[in-house]
Amino acid sequence: MGNNLSKRDIAGILNIDTKTLYNWKKNKPELYRIVMLGFKFDELLKQAENNLDELQKIAKENQNFRLK
């Protein structure tokens, strides 16, 4: 899913064994997909927050800029 987290990291966050995560992938693909989408959503949300911070910084630095 393009996460920066390893499967071991994800299992640790969920407080499960990595084997459980792999079993979900094999035997409960919908559950696995939902879990992974949750992590992807969290990653995208953090990225959006960082983008907002950067845009606010740029806006503040250029608030007095005027074209003549």
PDB file of N, CA and C in Angstrom:
ATOM      1  N   MET A   1       0.812  -1.204   0.000  1.00  0.00           N
ATOM      2  CA  MET A   1       0.000   0.000   0.000  1.00  0.00           C
ATOM      3  C   MET A   1       0.849   1.258   0.000  1.00  0.00           C
ATOM      4  N   GLY A   2       2.154   1.105  -0.066  1.00  0.00           N
ATOM      5  CA  GLY A   2       2.995   2.279  -0.131  1.00  0.00           C
ATOM      6  C   GLY A   2       3.262   2.938   1.205  1.00  0.00           C
ATOM      7  N   ASN A   3       3.062   2.193   2.270  1.00  0.00           N
ATOM      8  CA  ASN A   3       3.322   2.762   3.596  1.00  0.00           C
ATOM      9  C   ASN A   3       4.815   2.853   3.857  1.00  0.00           C
ATOM     10  N   ASN A   4       5.190   3.801   4.685  1.00  0.00           N
ATOM     11  CA  ASN A   4       6.575   3.896   5.111  1.00  0.00           C
ATOM     12  C   ASN A   4       6.863   2.934   6.245  1.00  0.00           C
ATOM     13  N   LEU A   5       5.833   2.316   6.789  1.00  0.00           N
ATOM     14  CA  LEU A   5       5.986   1.388   7.900  1.00  0.00           C
ATOM     15  C   LEU A   5       6.198  -0.028   7.379  1.00  0.00           C
ATOM     16  N   SER A   6       7.014  -0.781   8.091  1.00  0.00           N
ATOM     17  CA  SER A   6       7.184  -2.185   7.739  1.00  0.00           C
ATOM     18  C   SER A   6       6.019  -2.984   8.307  1.00  0.00           C
ATOM     19  N   LYS A   7       5.875  -4.212   7.843  1.00  0.00           N
ATOM     20  CA  LYS A   7       4.829  -5.087   8.386  1.00  0.00           C
ATOM     21  C   LYS A   7       5.057  -5.303   9.878  1.00  0.00           C
ATOM     22  N   ARG A   8       6.296  -5.379  10.286  1.00  0.00           N
ATOM     23  CA  ARG A   8       6.621  -5.534  11.710  1.00  0.00           C
ATOM     24  C   ARG A   8       6.160  -4.313  12.498  1.00  0.00           C
ATOM     25  N   ASP A   9       6.385  -3.118  11.940  1.00  0.00           N
ATOM     26  CA  ASP A   9       5.930  -1.878  12.588  1.00  0.00           C
ATOM     27  C   ASP A   9       4.408  -1.869  12.734  1.00  0.00           C
ATOM     28  N   ILE A  10       3.728  -2.231  11.657  1.00  0.00           N
ATOM     29  CA  ILE A  10       2.265  -2.242  11.673  1.00  0.00           C
ATOM     30  C   ILE A  10       1.746  -3.234  12.701  1.00  0.00           C
ATOM     31  N   ALA A  11       2.321  -4.424  12.717  1.00  0.00           N
ATOM     32  CA  ALA A  11       1.914  -5.433  13.698  1.00  0.00           C
ATOM     33  C   ALA A  11       2.144  -4.921  15.117  1.00  0.00           C
ATOM     34  N   GLY A  12       3.251  -4.242  15.339  1.00  0.00           N
ATOM     35  CA  GLY A  12       3.539  -3.690  16.660  1.00  0.00           C
ATOM     36  C   GLY A  12       2.524  -2.642  17.079  1.00  0.00           C
ATOM     37  N   ILE A  13       2.162  -1.771  16.159  1.00  0.00           N
ATOM     38  CA  ILE A  13       1.165  -0.740  16.447  1.00  0.00           C
ATOM     39  C   ILE A  13      -0.178  -1.380  16.793  1.00  0.00           C
ATOM     40  N   LEU A  14      -0.528  -2.454  16.070  1.00  0.00           N
ATOM     41  CA  LEU A  14      -1.790  -3.151  16.306  1.00  0.00           C
ATOM     42  C   LEU A  14      -1.720  -4.116  17.486  1.00  0.00           C
ATOM     43  N   ASN A  15      -0.517  -4.267  18.040  1.00  0.00           N
ATOM     44  CA  ASN A  15      -0.297  -5.187  19.161  1.00  0.00           C
ATOM     45  C   ASN A  15      -0.656  -6.626  18.786  1.00  0.00           C
ATOM     46  N   ILE A  16      -0.232  -7.022  17.573  1.00  0.00           N
ATOM     47  CA  ILE A  16      -0.417  -8.391  17.110  1.00  0.00           C
ATOM     48  C   ILE A  16       0.921  -8.905  16.600  1.00  0.00           C
ATOM     49  N   ASP A  17       0.998 -10.193  16.392  1.00  0.00           N
ATOM     50  CA  ASP A  17       2.194 -10.817  15.832  1.00  0.00           C
ATOM     51  C   ASP A  17       2.209 -10.585  14.319  1.00  0.00           C
ATOM     52  N   THR A  18       3.389 -10.505  13.741  1.00  0.00           N
ATOM     53  CA  THR A  18       3.468 -10.330  12.284  1.00  0.00           C
ATOM     54  C   THR A  18       2.815 -11.504  11.565  1.00  0.00           C
ATOM     55  N   LYS A  19       2.881 -12.674  12.171  1.00  0.00           N
ATOM     56  CA  LYS A  19       2.246 -13.862  11.583  1.00  0.00           C
ATOM     57  C   LYS A  19       0.735 -13.647  11.443  1.00  0.00           C
ATOM     58  N   THR A  20       0.136 -12.995  12.429  1.00  0.00           N
ATOM     59  CA  THR A  20      -1.296 -12.694  12.366  1.00  0.00           C
ATOM     60  C   THR A  20      -1.593 -11.784  11.185  1.00  0.00           C
ATOM     61  N   LEU A  21      -0.755 -10.792  10.985  1.00  0.00           N
ATOM     62  CA  LEU A  21      -0.941  -9.871   9.866  1.00  0.00           C
ATOM     63  C   LEU A  21      -0.877 -10.617   8.537  1.00  0.00           C
ATOM     64  N   TYR A  22       0.103 -11.509   8.397  1.00  0.00           N
ATOM     65  CA  TYR A  22       0.217 -12.289   7.165  1.00  0.00           C
ATOM     66  C   TYR A  22      -0.964 -13.252   7.002  1.00  0.00           C
ATOM     67  N   ASN A  23      -1.462 -13.806   8.109  1.00  0.00           N
ATOM     68  CA  ASN A  23      -2.646 -14.668   8.042  1.00  0.00           C
ATOM     69  C   ASN A  23      -3.865 -13.876   7.580  1.00  0.00           C
ATOM     70  N   TRP A  24      -4.003 -12.645   8.070  1.00  0.00           N
ATOM     71  CA  TRP A  24      -5.105 -11.802   7.612  1.00  0.00           C
ATOM     72  C   TRP A  24      -5.003 -11.573   6.108  1.00  0.00           C
ATOM     73  N   LYS A  25      -3.801 -11.311   5.648  1.00  0.00           N
ATOM     74  CA  LYS A  25      -3.605 -11.057   4.216  1.00  0.00           C
ATOM     75  C   LYS A  25      -4.039 -12.264   3.392  1.00  0.00           C
ATOM     76  N   LYS A  26      -3.719 -13.454   3.883  1.00  0.00           N
ATOM     77  CA  LYS A  26      -4.019 -14.684   3.151  1.00  0.00           C
ATOM     78  C   LYS A  26      -5.475 -15.118   3.328  1.00  0.00           C
ATOM     79  N   ASN A  27      -5.969 -15.093   4.561  1.00  0.00           N
ATOM     80  CA  ASN A  27      -7.264 -15.691   4.873  1.00  0.00           C
ATOM     81  C   ASN A  27      -8.408 -14.693   5.038  1.00  0.00           C
ATOM     82  N   LYS A  28      -8.079 -13.444   5.303  1.00  0.00           N
ATOM     83  CA  LYS A  28      -9.100 -12.406   5.483  1.00  0.00           C
ATOM     84  C   LYS A  28      -8.673 -11.153   4.720  1.00  0.00           C
ATOM     85  N   PRO A  29      -8.647 -11.262   3.392  1.00  0.00           N
ATOM     86  CA  PRO A  29      -8.102 -10.154   2.595  1.00  0.00           C
ATOM     87  C   PRO A  29      -8.841  -8.831   2.772  1.00  0.00           C
ATOM     88  N   GLU A  30     -10.143  -8.876   3.015  1.00  0.00           N
ATOM     89  CA  GLU A  30     -10.880  -7.624   3.215  1.00  0.00           C
ATOM     90  C   GLU A  30     -10.453  -6.939   4.509  1.00  0.00           C
ATOM     91  N   LEU A  31     -10.288  -7.709   5.573  1.00  0.00           N
ATOM     92  CA  LEU A  31      -9.813  -7.152   6.843  1.00  0.00           C
ATOM     93  C   LEU A  31      -8.424  -6.550   6.663  1.00  0.00           C
ATOM     94  N   TYR A  32      -7.551  -7.297   6.009  1.00  0.00           N
ATOM     95  CA  TYR A  32      -6.190  -6.822   5.758  1.00  0.00           C
ATOM     96  C   TYR A  32      -6.223  -5.520   4.958  1.00  0.00           C
ATOM     97  N   ARG A  33      -7.062  -5.487   3.923  1.00  0.00           N
ATOM     98  CA  ARG A  33      -7.153  -4.294   3.070  1.00  0.00           C
ATOM     99  C   ARG A  33      -7.637  -3.087   3.873  1.00  0.00           C
ATOM    100  N   ILE A  34      -8.627  -3.289   4.726  1.00  0.00           N
ATOM    101  CA  ILE A  34      -9.151  -2.189   5.541  1.00  0.00           C
ATOM    102  C   ILE A  34      -8.091  -1.674   6.507  1.00  0.00           C
ATOM    103  N   VAL A  35      -7.371  -2.598   7.130  1.00  0.00           N
ATOM    104  CA  VAL A  35      -6.300  -2.204   8.057  1.00  0.00           C
ATOM    105  C   VAL A  35      -5.243  -1.393   7.318  1.00  0.00           C
ATOM    106  N   MET A  36      -4.821  -1.874   6.160  1.00  0.00           N
ATOM    107  CA  MET A  36      -3.780  -1.186   5.400  1.00  0.00           C
ATOM    108  C   MET A  36      -4.278   0.171   4.890  1.00  0.00           C
ATOM    109  N   LEU A  37      -5.545   0.245   4.511  1.00  0.00           N
ATOM    110  CA  LEU A  37      -6.104   1.531   4.087  1.00  0.00           C
ATOM    111  C   LEU A  37      -6.116   2.527   5.238  1.00  0.00           C
ATOM    112  N   GLY A  38      -6.358   2.037   6.436  1.00  0.00           N
ATOM    113  CA  GLY A  38      -6.311   2.911   7.610  1.00  0.00           C
ATOM    114  C   GLY A  38      -4.930   3.516   7.797  1.00  0.00           C
ATOM    115  N   PHE A  39      -3.901   2.694   7.621  1.00  0.00           N
ATOM    116  CA  PHE A  39      -2.532   3.204   7.746  1.00  0.00           C
ATOM    117  C   PHE A  39      -2.204   4.163   6.604  1.00  0.00           C
ATOM    118  N   LYS A  40      -2.687   3.873   5.406  1.00  0.00           N
ATOM    119  CA  LYS A  40      -2.453   4.765   4.269  1.00  0.00           C
ATOM    120  C   LYS A  40      -3.154   6.102   4.497  1.00  0.00           C
ATOM    121  N   PHE A  41      -4.385   6.054   5.017  1.00  0.00           N
ATOM    122  CA  PHE A  41      -5.120   7.280   5.321  1.00  0.00           C
ATOM    123  C   PHE A  41      -4.347   8.128   6.321  1.00  0.00           C
ATOM    124  N   ASP A  42      -3.832   7.493   7.360  1.00  0.00           N
ATOM    125  CA  ASP A  42      -3.058   8.213   8.374  1.00  0.00           C
ATOM    126  C   ASP A  42      -1.829   8.867   7.749  1.00  0.00           C
ATOM    127  N   GLU A  43      -1.156   8.134   6.865  1.00  0.00           N
ATOM    128  CA  GLU A  43       0.022   8.673   6.179  1.00  0.00           C
ATOM    129  C   GLU A  43      -0.354   9.885   5.323  1.00  0.00           C
ATOM    130  N   LEU A  44      -1.453   9.776   4.579  1.00  0.00           N
ATOM    131  CA  LEU A  44      -1.885  10.883   3.725  1.00  0.00           C
ATOM    132  C   LEU A  44      -2.333  12.087   4.544  1.00  0.00           C
ATOM    133  N   LEU A  45      -2.967  11.844   5.676  1.00  0.00           N
ATOM    134  CA  LEU A  45      -3.389  12.933   6.552  1.00  0.00           C
ATOM    135  C   LEU A  45      -2.179  13.694   7.088  1.00  0.00           C
ATOM    136  N   LYS A  46      -1.158  12.973   7.516  1.00  0.00           N
ATOM    137  CA  LYS A  46       0.065  13.624   8.001  1.00  0.00           C
ATOM    138  C   LYS A  46       0.721  14.434   6.888  1.00  0.00           C
ATOM    139  N   GLN A  47       0.717  13.879   5.677  1.00  0.00           N
ATOM    140  CA  GLN A  47       1.294  14.584   4.535  1.00  0.00           C
ATOM    141  C   GLN A  47       0.507  15.865   4.244  1.00  0.00           C
ATOM    142  N   ALA A  48      -0.809  15.798   4.318  1.00  0.00           N
ATOM    143  CA  ALA A  48      -1.643  16.980   4.087  1.00  0.00           C
ATOM    144  C   ALA A  48      -1.387  18.043   5.151  1.00  0.00           C
ATOM    145  N   GLU A  49      -1.222  17.613   6.395  1.00  0.00           N
ATOM    146  CA  GLU A  49      -0.917  18.565   7.472  1.00  0.00           C
ATOM    147  C   GLU A  49       0.422  19.246   7.225  1.00  0.00           C
ATOM    148  N   ASN A  50       1.409  18.487   6.782  1.00  0.00           N
ATOM    149  CA  ASN A  50       2.717  19.067   6.471  1.00  0.00           C
ATOM    150  C   ASN A  50       2.616  20.051   5.310  1.00  0.00           C
ATOM    151  N   ASN A  51       1.824  19.700   4.297  1.00  0.00           N
ATOM    152  CA  ASN A  51       1.627  20.602   3.158  1.00  0.00           C
ATOM    153  C   ASN A  51       0.954  21.895   3.596  1.00  0.00           C
ATOM    154  N   LEU A  52      -0.039  21.790   4.466  1.00  0.00           N
ATOM    155  CA  LEU A  52      -0.722  22.979   4.973  1.00  0.00           C
ATOM    156  C   LEU A  52       0.250  23.868   5.739  1.00  0.00           C
ATOM    157  N   ASP A  53       1.063  23.264   6.594  1.00  0.00           N
ATOM    158  CA  ASP A  53       2.057  24.040   7.340  1.00  0.00           C
ATOM    159  C   ASP A  53       2.999  24.777   6.392  1.00  0.00           C
ATOM    160  N   GLU A  54       3.436  24.086   5.352  1.00  0.00           N
ATOM    161  CA  GLU A  54       4.357  24.693   4.383  1.00  0.00           C
ATOM    162  C   GLU A  54       3.677  25.842   3.632  1.00  0.00           C
ATOM    163  N   LEU A  55       2.436  25.640   3.223  1.00  0.00           N
ATOM    164  CA  LEU A  55       1.705  26.704   2.524  1.00  0.00           C
ATOM    165  C   LEU A  55       1.474  27.912   3.419  1.00  0.00           C
ATOM    166  N   GLN A  56       1.162  27.676   4.686  1.00  0.00           N
ATOM    167  CA  GLN A  56       0.974  28.789   5.619  1.00  0.00           C
ATOM    168  C   GLN A  56       2.277  29.549   5.822  1.00  0.00           C
ATOM    169  N   LYS A  57       3.378  28.838   5.861  1.00  0.00           N
ATOM    170  CA  LYS A  57       4.688  29.474   6.007  1.00  0.00           C
ATOM    171  C   LYS A  57       4.986  30.345   4.786  1.00  0.00           C
ATOM    172  N   ILE A  58       4.729  29.815   3.601  1.00  0.00           N
ATOM    173  CA  ILE A  58       4.962  30.572   2.368  1.00  0.00           C
ATOM    174  C   ILE A  58       4.065  31.802   2.324  1.00  0.00           C
ATOM    175  N   ALA A  59       2.801  31.636   2.691  1.00  0.00           N
ATOM    176  CA  ALA A  59       1.865  32.767   2.690  1.00  0.00           C
ATOM    177  C   ALA A  59       2.322  33.852   3.655  1.00  0.00           C
ATOM    178  N   LYS A  60       2.782  33.458   4.822  1.00  0.00           N
ATOM    179  CA  LYS A  60       3.241  34.435   5.812  1.00  0.00           C
ATOM    180  C   LYS A  60       4.481  35.177   5.317  1.00  0.00           C
ATOM    181  N   GLU A  61       5.408  34.437   4.701  1.00  0.00           N
ATOM    182  CA  GLU A  61       6.634  35.055   4.196  1.00  0.00           C
ATOM    183  C   GLU A  61       6.349  36.034   3.063  1.00  0.00           C
ATOM    184  N   ASN A  62       5.255  35.823   2.350  1.00  0.00           N
ATOM    185  CA  ASN A  62       4.965  36.642   1.169  1.00  0.00           C
ATOM    186  C   ASN A  62       3.729  37.516   1.326  1.00  0.00           C
ATOM    187  N   GLN A  63       3.284  37.728   2.542  1.00  0.00           N
ATOM    188  CA  GLN A  63       2.050  38.494   2.744  1.00  0.00           C
ATOM    189  C   GLN A  63       2.178  39.951   2.313  1.00  0.00           C
ATOM    190  N   ASN A  64       3.366  40.492   2.319  1.00  0.00           N
ATOM    191  CA  ASN A  64       3.553  41.894   1.936  1.00  0.00           C
ATOM    192  C   ASN A  64       3.959  42.057   0.477  1.00  0.00           C
ATOM    193  N   PHE A  65       4.071  40.972  -0.249  1.00  0.00           N
ATOM    194  CA  PHE A  65       4.481  41.026  -1.645  1.00  0.00           C
ATOM    195  C   PHE A  65       3.321  41.525  -2.505  1.00  0.00           C
ATOM    196  N   ARG A  66       3.593  42.522  -3.310  1.00  0.00           N
ATOM    197  CA  ARG A  66       2.581  43.084  -4.213  1.00  0.00           C
ATOM    198  C   ARG A  66       3.205  43.274  -5.590  1.00  0.00           C
ATOM    199  N   LEU A  67       2.457  42.911  -6.611  1.00  0.00           N
ATOM    200  CA  LEU A  67       2.893  43.177  -7.982  1.00  0.00           C
ATOM    201  C   LEU A  67       2.592  44.631  -8.315  1.00  0.00           C
ATOM    202  N   LYS A  68       3.491  45.254  -9.056  1.00  0.00           N
ATOM    203  CA  LYS A  68       3.284  46.660  -9.434  1.00  0.00           C
ATOM    204  C   LYS A  68       3.023  46.768 -10.906  1.00  0.00           C
TER     205      LYS A  68
END
